[in-house]
Amino acid sequence: MPVPEVGQIVHLENVEGRLVVKEVDEEAQTVDLVSAHGTPRSFGKVPVADLLPGEDLSAG
């Protein structure tokens, strides 16, 4: 998966729900994520290689 943009929705394996990219470190190829709904959760310095694509909201 290419490096996502801030605000993009992504998923992580074994994490339920949608996650939103909060910050991108292109040099380190990591992102910080926050939960989109429900209980607020955050995930820091997640390798881009671990991300699964989210919904494409641009086609509509």
PDB file of N, CA and C in Angstrom:
ATOM      1  N   MET A   1       0.849  -1.178   0.000  1.00  0.00           N
ATOM      2  CA  MET A   1       0.000   0.000   0.000  1.00  0.00           C
ATOM      3  C   MET A   1       0.894   1.241   0.000  1.00  0.00           C
ATOM      4  N   PRO A   2       0.579   2.231  -0.838  1.00  0.00           N
ATOM      5  CA  PRO A   2       1.354   3.470  -0.823  1.00  0.00           C
ATOM      6  C   PRO A   2       1.121   4.233   0.481  1.00  0.00           C
ATOM      7  N   VAL A   3       1.993   5.164   0.787  1.00  0.00           N
ATOM      8  CA  VAL A   3       1.844   5.961   2.008  1.00  0.00           C
ATOM      9  C   VAL A   3       0.525   6.731   1.936  1.00  0.00           C
ATOM     10  N   PRO A   4      -0.344   6.558   2.933  1.00  0.00           N
ATOM     11  CA  PRO A   4      -1.639   7.243   2.896  1.00  0.00           C
ATOM     12  C   PRO A   4      -1.493   8.725   3.249  1.00  0.00           C
ATOM     13  N   GLU A   5      -2.532   9.475   2.978  1.00  0.00           N
ATOM     14  CA  GLU A   5      -2.569  10.901   3.308  1.00  0.00           C
ATOM     15  C   GLU A   5      -3.276  11.097   4.640  1.00  0.00           C
ATOM     16  N   VAL A   6      -2.988  12.225   5.299  1.00  0.00           N
ATOM     17  CA  VAL A   6      -3.687  12.581   6.533  1.00  0.00           C
ATOM     18  C   VAL A   6      -5.179  12.657   6.227  1.00  0.00           C
ATOM     19  N   GLY A   7      -5.987  12.059   7.090  1.00  0.00           N
ATOM     20  CA  GLY A   7      -7.434  12.043   6.912  1.00  0.00           C
ATOM     21  C   GLY A   7      -7.955  10.821   6.184  1.00  0.00           C
ATOM     22  N   GLN A   8      -7.071  10.041   5.598  1.00  0.00           N
ATOM     23  CA  GLN A   8      -7.493   8.839   4.866  1.00  0.00           C
ATOM     24  C   GLN A   8      -7.908   7.753   5.848  1.00  0.00           C
ATOM     25  N   ILE A   9      -8.919   6.981   5.484  1.00  0.00           N
ATOM     26  CA  ILE A   9      -9.388   5.873   6.312  1.00  0.00           C
ATOM     27  C   ILE A   9      -8.644   4.605   5.915  1.00  0.00           C
ATOM     28  N   VAL A  10      -8.127   3.904   6.915  1.00  0.00           N
ATOM     29  CA  VAL A  10      -7.401   2.650   6.695  1.00  0.00           C
ATOM     30  C   VAL A  10      -7.859   1.632   7.734  1.00  0.00           C
ATOM     31  N   HIS A  11      -7.367   0.428   7.609  1.00  0.00           N
ATOM     32  CA  HIS A  11      -7.661  -0.642   8.568  1.00  0.00           C
ATOM     33  C   HIS A  11      -6.355  -1.307   8.993  1.00  0.00           C
ATOM     34  N   LEU A  12      -6.398  -1.912  10.157  1.00  0.00           N
ATOM     35  CA  LEU A  12      -5.304  -2.755  10.634  1.00  0.00           C
ATOM     36  C   LEU A  12      -5.869  -4.147  10.890  1.00  0.00           C
ATOM     37  N   GLU A  13      -5.091  -5.151  10.549  1.00  0.00           N
ATOM     38  CA  GLU A  13      -5.511  -6.519  10.836  1.00  0.00           C
ATOM     39  C   GLU A  13      -5.644  -6.670  12.348  1.00  0.00           C
ATOM     40  N   ASN A  14      -6.654  -7.363  12.796  1.00  0.00           N
ATOM     41  CA  ASN A  14      -6.933  -7.621  14.203  1.00  0.00           C
ATOM     42  C   ASN A  14      -7.382  -6.386  14.979  1.00  0.00           C
ATOM     43  N   VAL A  15      -7.717  -5.295  14.294  1.00  0.00           N
ATOM     44  CA  VAL A  15      -8.282  -4.112  14.942  1.00  0.00           C
ATOM     45  C   VAL A  15      -9.615  -3.833  14.275  1.00  0.00           C
ATOM     46  N   GLU A  16     -10.675  -3.872  15.061  1.00  0.00           N
ATOM     47  CA  GLU A  16     -12.010  -3.689  14.505  1.00  0.00           C
ATOM     48  C   GLU A  16     -12.300  -2.206  14.292  1.00  0.00           C
ATOM     49  N   GLY A  17     -12.968  -1.894  13.215  1.00  0.00           N
ATOM     50  CA  GLY A  17     -13.372  -0.520  12.948  1.00  0.00           C
ATOM     51  C   GLY A  17     -12.426   0.212  12.016  1.00  0.00           C
ATOM     52  N   ARG A  18     -12.882   1.412  11.656  1.00  0.00           N
ATOM     53  CA  ARG A  18     -12.103   2.231  10.742  1.00  0.00           C
ATOM     54  C   ARG A  18     -11.144   3.114  11.527  1.00  0.00           C
ATOM     55  N   LEU A  19      -9.994   3.339  10.949  1.00  0.00           N
ATOM     56  CA  LEU A  19      -8.986   4.199  11.557  1.00  0.00           C
ATOM     57  C   LEU A  19      -8.657   5.326  10.597  1.00  0.00           C
ATOM     58  N   VAL A  20      -8.392   6.506  11.145  1.00  0.00           N
ATOM     59  CA  VAL A  20      -8.076   7.671  10.334  1.00  0.00           C
ATOM     60  C   VAL A  20      -6.607   8.026  10.535  1.00  0.00           C
ATOM     61  N   VAL A  21      -5.935   8.304   9.432  1.00  0.00           N
ATOM     62  CA  VAL A  21      -4.535   8.698   9.499  1.00  0.00           C
ATOM     63  C   VAL A  21      -4.454  10.109  10.080  1.00  0.00           C
ATOM     64  N   LYS A  22      -3.727  10.238  11.193  1.00  0.00           N
ATOM     65  CA  LYS A  22      -3.591  11.528  11.876  1.00  0.00           C
ATOM     66  C   LYS A  22      -2.287  12.220  11.484  1.00  0.00           C
ATOM     67  N   GLU A  23      -1.222  11.442  11.318  1.00  0.00           N
ATOM     68  CA  GLU A  23       0.083  12.000  10.983  1.00  0.00           C
ATOM     69  C   GLU A  23       0.852  10.997  10.143  1.00  0.00           C
ATOM     70  N   VAL A  24       1.658  11.500   9.208  1.00  0.00           N
ATOM     71  CA  VAL A  24       2.434  10.652   8.308  1.00  0.00           C
ATOM     72  C   VAL A  24       3.903  11.008   8.429  1.00  0.00           C
ATOM     73  N   ASP A  25       4.748   9.985   8.571  1.00  0.00           N
ATOM     74  CA  ASP A  25       6.198  10.170   8.531  1.00  0.00           C
ATOM     75  C   ASP A  25       6.702   9.402   7.314  1.00  0.00           C
ATOM     76  N   GLU A  26       6.793  10.107   6.175  1.00  0.00           N
ATOM     77  CA  GLU A  26       7.164   9.443   4.925  1.00  0.00           C
ATOM     78  C   GLU A  26       8.575   8.886   4.972  1.00  0.00           C
ATOM     79  N   GLU A  27       9.470   9.562   5.657  1.00  0.00           N
ATOM     80  CA  GLU A  27      10.860   9.098   5.741  1.00  0.00           C
ATOM     81  C   GLU A  27      10.954   7.757   6.463  1.00  0.00           C
ATOM     82  N   ALA A  28      10.233   7.644   7.578  1.00  0.00           N
ATOM     83  CA  ALA A  28      10.252   6.401   8.362  1.00  0.00           C
ATOM     84  C   ALA A  28       9.229   5.393   7.857  1.00  0.00           C
ATOM     85  N   GLN A  29       8.332   5.834   6.925  1.00  0.00           N
ATOM     86  CA  GLN A  29       7.271   4.967   6.413  1.00  0.00           C
ATOM     87  C   GLN A  29       6.361   4.462   7.533  1.00  0.00           C
ATOM     88  N   THR A  30       5.981   5.401   8.437  1.00  0.00           N
ATOM     89  CA  THR A  30       5.046   5.078   9.513  1.00  0.00           C
ATOM     90  C   THR A  30       3.930   6.121   9.544  1.00  0.00           C
ATOM     91  N   VAL A  31       2.825   5.747  10.192  1.00  0.00           N
ATOM     92  CA  VAL A  31       1.702   6.660  10.367  1.00  0.00           C
ATOM     93  C   VAL A  31       1.187   6.566  11.798  1.00  0.00           C
ATOM     94  N   ASP A  32       0.571   7.635  12.268  1.00  0.00           N
ATOM     95  CA  ASP A  32      -0.149   7.631  13.529  1.00  0.00           C
ATOM     96  C   ASP A  32      -1.630   7.582  13.178  1.00  0.00           C
ATOM     97  N   LEU A  33      -2.371   6.743  13.874  1.00  0.00           N
ATOM     98  CA  LEU A  33      -3.781   6.521  13.565  1.00  0.00           C
ATOM     99  C   LEU A  33      -4.653   6.812  14.772  1.00  0.00           C
ATOM    100  N   VAL A  34      -5.902   7.219  14.526  1.00  0.00           N
ATOM    101  CA  VAL A  34      -6.909   7.373  15.569  1.00  0.00           C
ATOM    102  C   VAL A  34      -8.180   6.679  15.098  1.00  0.00           C
ATOM    103  N   SER A  35      -8.979   6.209  16.049  1.00  0.00           N
ATOM    104  CA  SER A  35     -10.221   5.530  15.691  1.00  0.00           C
ATOM    105  C   SER A  35     -11.207   6.534  15.108  1.00  0.00           C
ATOM    106  N   ALA A  36     -11.993   6.081  14.134  1.00  0.00           N
ATOM    107  CA  ALA A  36     -12.953   6.950  13.461  1.00  0.00           C
ATOM    108  C   ALA A  36     -14.266   7.037  14.231  1.00  0.00           C
ATOM    109  N   HIS A  37     -14.623   6.002  14.957  1.00  0.00           N
ATOM    110  CA  HIS A  37     -15.906   5.952  15.679  1.00  0.00           C
ATOM    111  C   HIS A  37     -15.711   5.150  16.955  1.00  0.00           C
ATOM    112  N   GLY A  38     -16.658   5.273  17.847  1.00  0.00           N
ATOM    113  CA  GLY A  38     -16.639   4.469  19.065  1.00  0.00           C
ATOM    114  C   GLY A  38     -15.629   4.979  20.072  1.00  0.00           C
ATOM    115  N   THR A  39     -15.094   4.067  20.857  1.00  0.00           N
ATOM    116  CA  THR A  39     -14.138   4.409  21.893  1.00  0.00           C
ATOM    117  C   THR A  39     -12.885   5.017  21.278  1.00  0.00           C
ATOM    118  N   PRO A  40     -12.483   6.206  21.721  1.00  0.00           N
ATOM    119  CA  PRO A  40     -11.274   6.821  21.163  1.00  0.00           C
ATOM    120  C   PRO A  40     -10.043   5.953  21.439  1.00  0.00           C
ATOM    121  N   ARG A  41      -9.353   5.631  20.375  1.00  0.00           N
ATOM    122  CA  ARG A  41      -8.114   4.848  20.484  1.00  0.00           C
ATOM    123  C   ARG A  41      -7.113   5.437  19.521  1.00  0.00           C
ATOM    124  N   SER A  42      -5.850   5.311  19.860  1.00  0.00           N
ATOM    125  CA  SER A  42      -4.825   5.798  18.945  1.00  0.00           C
ATOM    126  C   SER A  42      -3.720   4.759  18.831  1.00  0.00           C
ATOM    127  N   PHE A  43      -3.066   4.773  17.691  1.00  0.00           N
ATOM    128  CA  PHE A  43      -1.975   3.853  17.401  1.00  0.00           C
ATOM    129  C   PHE A  43      -0.848   4.693  16.820  1.00  0.00           C
ATOM    130  N   GLY A  44       0.308   4.671  17.440  1.00  0.00           N
ATOM    131  CA  GLY A  44       1.417   5.497  16.975  1.00  0.00           C
ATOM    132  C   GLY A  44       2.470   4.688  16.249  1.00  0.00           C
ATOM    133  N   LYS A  45       3.103   5.337  15.285  1.00  0.00           N
ATOM    134  CA  LYS A  45       4.234   4.779  14.544  1.00  0.00           C
ATOM    135  C   LYS A  45       3.941   3.393  13.960  1.00  0.00           C
ATOM    136  N   VAL A  46       2.806   3.287  13.284  1.00  0.00           N
ATOM    137  CA  VAL A  46       2.416   2.032  12.633  1.00  0.00           C
ATOM    138  C   VAL A  46       3.101   1.971  11.269  1.00  0.00           C
ATOM    139  N   PRO A  47       3.831   0.901  10.973  1.00  0.00           N
ATOM    140  CA  PRO A  47       4.460   0.786   9.651  1.00  0.00           C
ATOM    141  C   PRO A  47       3.410   0.756   8.539  1.00  0.00           C
ATOM    142  N   VAL A  48       3.667   1.500   7.479  1.00  0.00           N
ATOM    143  CA  VAL A  48       2.748   1.549   6.340  1.00  0.00           C
ATOM    144  C   VAL A  48       2.495   0.142   5.796  1.00  0.00           C
ATOM    145  N   ALA A  49       3.493  -0.723   5.849  1.00  0.00           N
ATOM    146  CA  ALA A  49       3.357  -2.092   5.337  1.00  0.00           C
ATOM    147  C   ALA A  49       2.289  -2.888   6.093  1.00  0.00           C
ATOM    148  N   ASP A  50       1.949  -2.477   7.319  1.00  0.00           N
ATOM    149  CA  ASP A  50       0.949  -3.190   8.127  1.00  0.00           C
ATOM    150  C   ASP A  50      -0.484  -2.744   7.839  1.00  0.00           C
ATOM    151  N   LEU A  51      -0.651  -1.682   7.059  1.00  0.00           N
ATOM    152  CA  LEU A  51      -1.987  -1.131   6.818  1.00  0.00           C
ATOM    153  C   LEU A  51      -2.732  -1.910   5.749  1.00  0.00           C
ATOM    154  N   LEU A  52      -4.046  -1.943   5.903  1.00  0.00           N
ATOM    155  CA  LEU A  52      -4.934  -2.487   4.893  1.00  0.00           C
ATOM    156  C   LEU A  52      -5.739  -1.317   4.357  1.00  0.00           C
ATOM    157  N   PRO A  53      -6.041  -1.288   3.061  1.00  0.00           N
ATOM    158  CA  PRO A  53      -6.783  -0.155   2.520  1.00  0.00           C
ATOM    159  C   PRO A  53      -8.180  -0.049   3.110  1.00  0.00           C
ATOM    160  N   GLY A  54      -8.661   1.179   3.235  1.00  0.00           N
ATOM    161  CA  GLY A  54     -10.021   1.441   3.701  1.00  0.00           C
ATOM    162  C   GLY A  54     -10.925   1.680   2.511  1.00  0.00           C
ATOM    163  N   GLU A  55     -12.103   2.205   2.790  1.00  0.00           N
ATOM    164  CA  GLU A  55     -13.050   2.476   1.718  1.00  0.00           C
ATOM    165  C   GLU A  55     -12.545   3.633   0.868  1.00  0.00           C
ATOM    166  N   ASP A  56     -12.843   3.561  -0.414  1.00  0.00           N
ATOM    167  CA  ASP A  56     -12.530   4.660  -1.321  1.00  0.00           C
ATOM    168  C   ASP A  56     -13.750   5.559  -1.347  1.00  0.00           C
ATOM    169  N   LEU A  57     -13.669   6.697  -0.662  1.00  0.00           N
ATOM    170  CA  LEU A  57     -14.807   7.594  -0.570  1.00  0.00           C
ATOM    171  C   LEU A  57     -14.848   8.605  -1.702  1.00  0.00           C
ATOM    172  N   SER A  58     -13.878   8.554  -2.604  1.00  0.00           N
ATOM    173  CA  SER A  58     -13.817   9.526  -3.692  1.00  0.00           C
ATOM    174  C   SER A  58     -14.750   9.164  -4.848  1.00  0.00           C
ATOM    175  N   ALA A  59     -15.117   7.892  -4.947  1.00  0.00           N
ATOM    176  CA  ALA A  59     -15.979   7.446  -6.059  1.00  0.00           C
ATOM    177  C   ALA A  59     -17.437   7.548  -5.620  1.00  0.00           C
ATOM    178  N   GLY A  60     -18.072   8.650  -5.907  1.00  0.00           N
ATOM    179  CA  GLY A  60     -19.425   8.730  -5.451  1.00  0.00           C
ATOM    180  C   GLY A  60     -20.177   9.763  -6.072  1.00  0.00           C
TER     181      GLY A  60
END
